[in-house]
């Protein structure tokens, strides 16, 4: 199970990478085939996305994540 602090750290990383790569929410939502308001709610910590969606986002942005054992 992912702890809330770990999830928030991942969200912060996602936003940072988006800024570094100059990827807008609109572009990312289009590329991931989701609605931009949904993506905005996820990034603002108002919606909890599925694990599948999280993997799609990190793969899209090229973020490497580790799994604790």
PDB file of N, CA and C in Angstrom:
ATOM      1  N   UNK A   1       0.838  -1.182   0.000  1.00  0.00           N
ATOM      2  CA  UNK A   1       0.000   0.000   0.000  1.00  0.00           C
ATOM      3  C   UNK A   1       0.884   1.248   0.000  1.00  0.00           C
ATOM      4  N   UNK A   2       0.500   2.231  -0.787  1.00  0.00           N
ATOM      5  CA  UNK A   2       1.260   3.471  -0.885  1.00  0.00           C
ATOM      6  C   UNK A   2       0.815   4.421   0.226  1.00  0.00           C
ATOM      7  N   UNK A   3       1.790   4.923   0.964  1.00  0.00           N
ATOM      8  CA  UNK A   3       1.471   5.893   2.003  1.00  0.00           C
ATOM      9  C   UNK A   3       1.172   7.245   1.374  1.00  0.00           C
ATOM     10  N   UNK A   4       0.340   8.004   2.044  1.00  0.00           N
ATOM     11  CA  UNK A   4      -0.085   9.296   1.508  1.00  0.00           C
ATOM     12  C   UNK A   4       1.111  10.206   1.236  1.00  0.00           C
ATOM     13  N   UNK A   5       2.099  10.206   2.112  1.00  0.00           N
ATOM     14  CA  UNK A   5       3.257  11.077   1.898  1.00  0.00           C
ATOM     15  C   UNK A   5       4.019  10.660   0.640  1.00  0.00           C
ATOM     16  N   UNK A   6       4.126   9.358   0.387  1.00  0.00           N
ATOM     17  CA  UNK A   6       4.802   8.887  -0.823  1.00  0.00           C
ATOM     18  C   UNK A   6       4.025   9.310  -2.066  1.00  0.00           C
ATOM     19  N   UNK A   7       2.705   9.215  -1.990  1.00  0.00           N
ATOM     20  CA  UNK A   7       1.867   9.612  -3.129  1.00  0.00           C
ATOM     21  C   UNK A   7       2.040  11.092  -3.418  1.00  0.00           C
ATOM     22  N   UNK A   8       2.045  11.923  -2.348  1.00  0.00           N
ATOM     23  CA  UNK A   8       2.219  13.358  -2.541  1.00  0.00           C
ATOM     24  C   UNK A   8       3.600  13.674  -3.123  1.00  0.00           C
ATOM     25  N   UNK A   9       4.630  12.944  -2.707  1.00  0.00           N
ATOM     26  CA  UNK A   9       5.970  13.143  -3.266  1.00  0.00           C
ATOM     27  C   UNK A   9       5.976  12.804  -4.756  1.00  0.00           C
ATOM     28  N   UNK A  10       5.286  11.731  -5.140  1.00  0.00           N
ATOM     29  CA  UNK A  10       5.208  11.359  -6.542  1.00  0.00           C
ATOM     30  C   UNK A  10       4.461  12.433  -7.335  1.00  0.00           C
ATOM     31  N   UNK A  11       3.373  12.956  -6.782  1.00  0.00           N
ATOM     32  CA  UNK A  11       2.649  14.034  -7.459  1.00  0.00           C
ATOM     33  C   UNK A  11       3.538  15.256  -7.657  1.00  0.00           C
ATOM     34  N   UNK A  12       4.310  15.599  -6.628  1.00  0.00           N
ATOM     35  CA  UNK A  12       5.234  16.736  -6.738  1.00  0.00           C
ATOM     36  C   UNK A  12       6.246  16.490  -7.852  1.00  0.00           C
ATOM     37  N   UNK A  13       6.758  15.262  -7.931  1.00  0.00           N
ATOM     38  CA  UNK A  13       7.713  14.914  -8.982  1.00  0.00           C
ATOM     39  C   UNK A  13       7.068  15.018 -10.357  1.00  0.00           C
ATOM     40  N   UNK A  14       5.844  14.537 -10.482  1.00  0.00           N
ATOM     41  CA  UNK A  14       5.120  14.613 -11.756  1.00  0.00           C
ATOM     42  C   UNK A  14       4.998  16.065 -12.208  1.00  0.00           C
ATOM     43  N   UNK A  15       4.599  16.932 -11.311  1.00  0.00           N
ATOM     44  CA  UNK A  15       4.439  18.357 -11.645  1.00  0.00           C
ATOM     45  C   UNK A  15       5.786  18.972 -12.023  1.00  0.00           C
ATOM     46  N   UNK A  16       6.847  18.626 -11.281  1.00  0.00           N
ATOM     47  CA  UNK A  16       8.173  19.157 -11.585  1.00  0.00           C
ATOM     48  C   UNK A  16       8.634  18.723 -12.978  1.00  0.00           C
ATOM     49  N   UNK A  17       8.446  17.456 -13.303  1.00  0.00           N
ATOM     50  CA  UNK A  17       8.868  16.945 -14.611  1.00  0.00           C
ATOM     51  C   UNK A  17       8.049  17.600 -15.719  1.00  0.00           C
ATOM     52  N   UNK A  18       6.762  17.781 -15.482  1.00  0.00           N
ATOM     53  CA  UNK A  18       5.926  18.465 -16.472  1.00  0.00           C
ATOM     54  C   UNK A  18       6.478  19.866 -16.737  1.00  0.00           C
ATOM     55  N   UNK A  19       6.855  20.575 -15.672  1.00  0.00           N
ATOM     56  CA  UNK A  19       7.395  21.926 -15.828  1.00  0.00           C
ATOM     57  C   UNK A  19       8.734  21.903 -16.554  1.00  0.00           C
ATOM     58  N   UNK A  20       9.615  20.960 -16.180  1.00  0.00           N
ATOM     59  CA  UNK A  20      10.924  20.852 -16.820  1.00  0.00           C
ATOM     60  C   UNK A  20      10.789  20.575 -18.316  1.00  0.00           C
ATOM     61  N   UNK A  21       9.840  19.702 -18.666  1.00  0.00           N
ATOM     62  CA  UNK A  21       9.655  19.313 -20.066  1.00  0.00           C
ATOM     63  C   UNK A  21       8.672  20.222 -20.796  1.00  0.00           C
ATOM     64  N   UNK A  22       8.150  21.221 -20.075  1.00  0.00           N
ATOM     65  CA  UNK A  22       7.194  22.181 -20.631  1.00  0.00           C
ATOM     66  C   UNK A  22       5.974  21.475 -21.242  1.00  0.00           C
ATOM     67  N   UNK A  23       5.460  20.523 -20.485  1.00  0.00           N
ATOM     68  CA  UNK A  23       4.260  19.787 -20.890  1.00  0.00           C
ATOM     69  C   UNK A  23       3.077  20.364 -20.126  1.00  0.00           C
ATOM     70  N   UNK A  24       2.080  20.798 -20.839  1.00  0.00           N
ATOM     71  CA  UNK A  24       0.896  21.354 -20.192  1.00  0.00           C
ATOM     72  C   UNK A  24      -0.067  20.243 -19.803  1.00  0.00           C
ATOM     73  N   UNK A  25      -0.953  20.560 -18.884  1.00  0.00           N
ATOM     74  CA  UNK A  25      -2.008  19.608 -18.525  1.00  0.00           C
ATOM     75  C   UNK A  25      -2.859  19.278 -19.743  1.00  0.00           C
ATOM     76  N   UNK A  26      -3.129  20.273 -20.548  1.00  0.00           N
ATOM     77  CA  UNK A  26      -3.954  20.062 -21.742  1.00  0.00           C
ATOM     78  C   UNK A  26      -3.293  19.060 -22.683  1.00  0.00           C
ATOM     79  N   UNK A  27      -1.993  19.239 -22.923  1.00  0.00           N
ATOM     80  CA  UNK A  27      -1.284  18.325 -23.827  1.00  0.00           C
ATOM     81  C   UNK A  27      -1.207  16.922 -23.240  1.00  0.00           C
ATOM     82  N   UNK A  28      -0.880  16.824 -21.961  1.00  0.00           N
ATOM     83  CA  UNK A  28      -0.758  15.507 -21.338  1.00  0.00           C
ATOM     84  C   UNK A  28      -2.104  14.789 -21.324  1.00  0.00           C
ATOM     85  N   UNK A  29      -3.156  15.515 -21.013  1.00  0.00           N
ATOM     86  CA  UNK A  29      -4.493  14.905 -21.004  1.00  0.00           C
ATOM     87  C   UNK A  29      -4.845  14.385 -22.396  1.00  0.00           C
ATOM     88  N   UNK A  30      -4.540  15.167 -23.414  1.00  0.00           N
ATOM     89  CA  UNK A  30      -4.815  14.742 -24.790  1.00  0.00           C
ATOM     90  C   UNK A  30      -4.020  13.489 -25.131  1.00  0.00           C
ATOM     91  N   UNK A  31      -2.725  13.494 -24.812  1.00  0.00           N
ATOM     92  CA  UNK A  31      -1.863  12.360 -25.126  1.00  0.00           C
ATOM     93  C   UNK A  31      -2.272  11.093 -24.364  1.00  0.00           C
ATOM     94  N   UNK A  32      -2.744  11.261 -23.131  1.00  0.00           N
ATOM     95  CA  UNK A  32      -3.149  10.111 -22.309  1.00  0.00           C
ATOM     96  C   UNK A  32      -4.621   9.751 -22.496  1.00  0.00           C
ATOM     97  N   UNK A  33      -5.292  10.539 -23.330  1.00  0.00           N
ATOM     98  CA  UNK A  33      -6.705  10.313 -23.641  1.00  0.00           C
ATOM     99  C   UNK A  33      -7.599  10.333 -22.401  1.00  0.00           C
ATOM    100  N   UNK A  34      -7.390  11.392 -21.591  1.00  0.00           N
ATOM    101  CA  UNK A  34      -8.253  11.661 -20.442  1.00  0.00           C
ATOM    102  C   UNK A  34      -8.682  13.115 -20.534  1.00  0.00           C
ATOM    103  N   UNK A  35      -9.689  13.463 -19.781  1.00  0.00           N
ATOM    104  CA  UNK A  35     -10.149  14.851 -19.783  1.00  0.00           C
ATOM    105  C   UNK A  35      -9.225  15.691 -18.896  1.00  0.00           C
ATOM    106  N   UNK A  36      -8.947  16.900 -19.358  1.00  0.00           N
ATOM    107  CA  UNK A  36      -8.048  17.782 -18.620  1.00  0.00           C
ATOM    108  C   UNK A  36      -8.552  18.098 -17.216  1.00  0.00           C
ATOM    109  N   UNK A  37      -9.859  18.315 -16.997  1.00  0.00           N
ATOM    110  CA  UNK A  37     -10.307  18.573 -15.626  1.00  0.00           C
ATOM    111  C   UNK A  37     -10.007  17.410 -14.671  1.00  0.00           C
ATOM    112  N   UNK A  38     -10.089  16.175 -15.187  1.00  0.00           N
ATOM    113  CA  UNK A  38      -9.751  15.013 -14.349  1.00  0.00           C
ATOM    114  C   UNK A  38      -8.270  15.053 -13.975  1.00  0.00           C
ATOM    115  N   UNK A  39      -7.411  15.290 -14.951  1.00  0.00           N
ATOM    116  CA  UNK A  39      -5.979  15.362 -14.686  1.00  0.00           C
ATOM    117  C   UNK A  39      -5.685  16.466 -13.680  1.00  0.00           C
ATOM    118  N   UNK A  40      -6.325  17.601 -13.826  1.00  0.00           N
ATOM    119  CA  UNK A  40      -6.142  18.710 -12.894  1.00  0.00           C
ATOM    120  C   UNK A  40      -6.523  18.305 -11.476  1.00  0.00           C
ATOM    121  N   UNK A  41      -7.649  17.615 -11.317  1.00  0.00           N
ATOM    122  CA  UNK A  41      -8.084  17.184  -9.985  1.00  0.00           C
ATOM    123  C   UNK A  41      -7.095  16.194  -9.376  1.00  0.00           C
ATOM    124  N   UNK A  42      -6.528  15.326 -10.194  1.00  0.00           N
ATOM    125  CA  UNK A  42      -5.520  14.382  -9.694  1.00  0.00           C
ATOM    126  C   UNK A  42      -4.290  15.145  -9.223  1.00  0.00           C
ATOM    127  N   UNK A  43      -3.795  16.055 -10.041  1.00  0.00           N
ATOM    128  CA  UNK A  43      -2.590  16.800  -9.694  1.00  0.00           C
ATOM    129  C   UNK A  43      -2.794  17.727  -8.501  1.00  0.00           C
ATOM    130  N   UNK A  44      -4.011  18.157  -8.279  1.00  0.00           N
ATOM    131  CA  UNK A  44      -4.327  19.022  -7.127  1.00  0.00           C
ATOM    132  C   UNK A  44      -4.722  18.206  -5.896  1.00  0.00           C
ATOM    133  N   UNK A  45      -4.584  16.874  -6.005  1.00  0.00           N
ATOM    134  CA  UNK A  45      -4.837  15.954  -4.887  1.00  0.00           C
ATOM    135  C   UNK A  45      -6.304  15.904  -4.477  1.00  0.00           C
ATOM    136  N   UNK A  46      -7.192  16.145  -5.431  1.00  0.00           N
ATOM    137  CA  UNK A  46      -8.625  16.099  -5.142  1.00  0.00           C
ATOM    138  C   UNK A  46      -9.252  14.785  -5.581  1.00  0.00           C
ATOM    139  N   UNK A  47      -8.612  14.077  -6.517  1.00  0.00           N
ATOM    140  CA  UNK A  47      -9.078  12.768  -6.986  1.00  0.00           C
ATOM    141  C   UNK A  47      -7.950  11.767  -6.816  1.00  0.00           C
ATOM    142  N   UNK A  48      -8.295  10.565  -6.430  1.00  0.00           N
ATOM    143  CA  UNK A  48      -7.307   9.489  -6.346  1.00  0.00           C
ATOM    144  C   UNK A  48      -7.399   8.659  -7.626  1.00  0.00           C
ATOM    145  N   UNK A  49      -6.332   8.644  -8.417  1.00  0.00           N
ATOM    146  CA  UNK A  49      -6.372   7.897  -9.673  1.00  0.00           C
ATOM    147  C   UNK A  49      -6.149   6.410  -9.449  1.00  0.00           C
ATOM    148  N   UNK A  50      -6.448   5.645 -10.461  1.00  0.00           N
ATOM    149  CA  UNK A  50      -6.163   4.212 -10.410  1.00  0.00           C
ATOM    150  C   UNK A  50      -4.654   4.004 -10.530  1.00  0.00           C
ATOM    151  N   UNK A  51      -4.197   2.851 -10.086  1.00  0.00           N
ATOM    152  CA  UNK A  51      -2.788   2.500 -10.211  1.00  0.00           C
ATOM    153  C   UNK A  51      -2.399   2.475 -11.685  1.00  0.00           C
ATOM    154  N   UNK A  52      -3.289   1.976 -12.519  1.00  0.00           N
ATOM    155  CA  UNK A  52      -3.034   1.908 -13.958  1.00  0.00           C
ATOM    156  C   UNK A  52      -2.785   3.303 -14.519  1.00  0.00           C
ATOM    157  N   UNK A  53      -3.568   4.273 -14.092  1.00  0.00           N
ATOM    158  CA  UNK A  53      -3.394   5.639 -14.575  1.00  0.00           C
ATOM    159  C   UNK A  53      -2.063   6.218 -14.102  1.00  0.00           C
ATOM    160  N   UNK A  54      -1.697   5.950 -12.868  1.00  0.00           N
ATOM    161  CA  UNK A  54      -0.418   6.434 -12.344  1.00  0.00           C
ATOM    162  C   UNK A  54       0.728   5.886 -13.191  1.00  0.00           C
ATOM    163  N   UNK A  55       0.678   4.603 -13.519  1.00  0.00           N
ATOM    164  CA  UNK A  55       1.727   4.016 -14.354  1.00  0.00           C
ATOM    165  C   UNK A  55       1.743   4.639 -15.741  1.00  0.00           C
ATOM    166  N   UNK A  56       0.589   4.935 -16.288  1.00  0.00           N
ATOM    167  CA  UNK A  56       0.539   5.606 -17.595  1.00  0.00           C
ATOM    168  C   UNK A  56       1.225   6.967 -17.527  1.00  0.00           C
ATOM    169  N   UNK A  57       0.969   7.713 -16.455  1.00  0.00           N
ATOM    170  CA  UNK A  57       1.553   9.054 -16.300  1.00  0.00           C
ATOM    171  C   UNK A  57       3.066   8.969 -16.152  1.00  0.00           C
ATOM    172  N   UNK A  58       3.552   8.102 -15.261  1.00  0.00           N
ATOM    173  CA  UNK A  58       5.001   8.034 -15.054  1.00  0.00           C
ATOM    174  C   UNK A  58       5.710   7.509 -16.296  1.00  0.00           C
ATOM    175  N   UNK A  59       5.100   6.584 -17.015  1.00  0.00           N
ATOM    176  CA  UNK A  59       5.696   6.110 -18.266  1.00  0.00           C
ATOM    177  C   UNK A  59       5.722   7.218 -19.304  1.00  0.00           C
ATOM    178  N   UNK A  60       4.645   7.963 -19.404  1.00  0.00           N
ATOM    179  CA  UNK A  60       4.553   9.080 -20.352  1.00  0.00           C
ATOM    180  C   UNK A  60       5.655  10.106 -20.092  1.00  0.00           C
ATOM    181  N   UNK A  61       5.901  10.399 -18.817  1.00  0.00           N
ATOM    182  CA  UNK A  61       6.881  11.408 -18.462  1.00  0.00           C
ATOM    183  C   UNK A  61       8.306  10.845 -18.339  1.00  0.00           C
ATOM    184  N   UNK A  62       8.439   9.522 -18.366  1.00  0.00           N
ATOM    185  CA  UNK A  62       9.760   8.911 -18.243  1.00  0.00           C
ATOM    186  C   UNK A  62      10.310   8.927 -16.826  1.00  0.00           C
ATOM    187  N   UNK A  63       9.412   8.886 -15.856  1.00  0.00           N
ATOM    188  CA  UNK A  63       9.818   8.907 -14.450  1.00  0.00           C
ATOM    189  C   UNK A  63      10.073   7.469 -14.006  1.00  0.00           C
ATOM    190  N   UNK A  64      11.218   7.254 -13.368  1.00  0.00           N
ATOM    191  CA  UNK A  64      11.554   5.933 -12.827  1.00  0.00           C
ATOM    192  C   UNK A  64      11.083   5.896 -11.370  1.00  0.00           C
ATOM    193  N   UNK A  65      10.328   4.855 -11.039  1.00  0.00           N
ATOM    194  CA  UNK A  65       9.881   4.707  -9.655  1.00  0.00           C
ATOM    195  C   UNK A  65      10.352   3.355  -9.147  1.00  0.00           C
ATOM    196  N   UNK A  66      10.656   3.318  -7.872  1.00  0.00           N
ATOM    197  CA  UNK A  66      11.087   2.073  -7.239  1.00  0.00           C
ATOM    198  C   UNK A  66       9.970   1.519  -6.381  1.00  0.00           C
ATOM    199  N   UNK A  67      10.047   0.228  -6.152  1.00  0.00           N
ATOM    200  CA  UNK A  67       9.058  -0.432  -5.321  1.00  0.00           C
ATOM    201  C   UNK A  67       9.756  -0.944  -4.073  1.00  0.00           C
ATOM    202  N   UNK A  68       9.262  -0.539  -2.905  1.00  0.00           N
ATOM    203  CA  UNK A  68       9.834  -0.995  -1.644  1.00  0.00           C
ATOM    204  C   UNK A  68       9.450  -2.441  -1.392  1.00  0.00           C
ATOM    205  N   UNK A  69      10.370  -3.177  -0.806  1.00  0.00           N
ATOM    206  CA  UNK A  69      10.096  -4.593  -0.502  1.00  0.00           C
ATOM    207  C   UNK A  69      10.003  -4.787   0.988  1.00  0.00           C
TER     208      UNK A  69
END
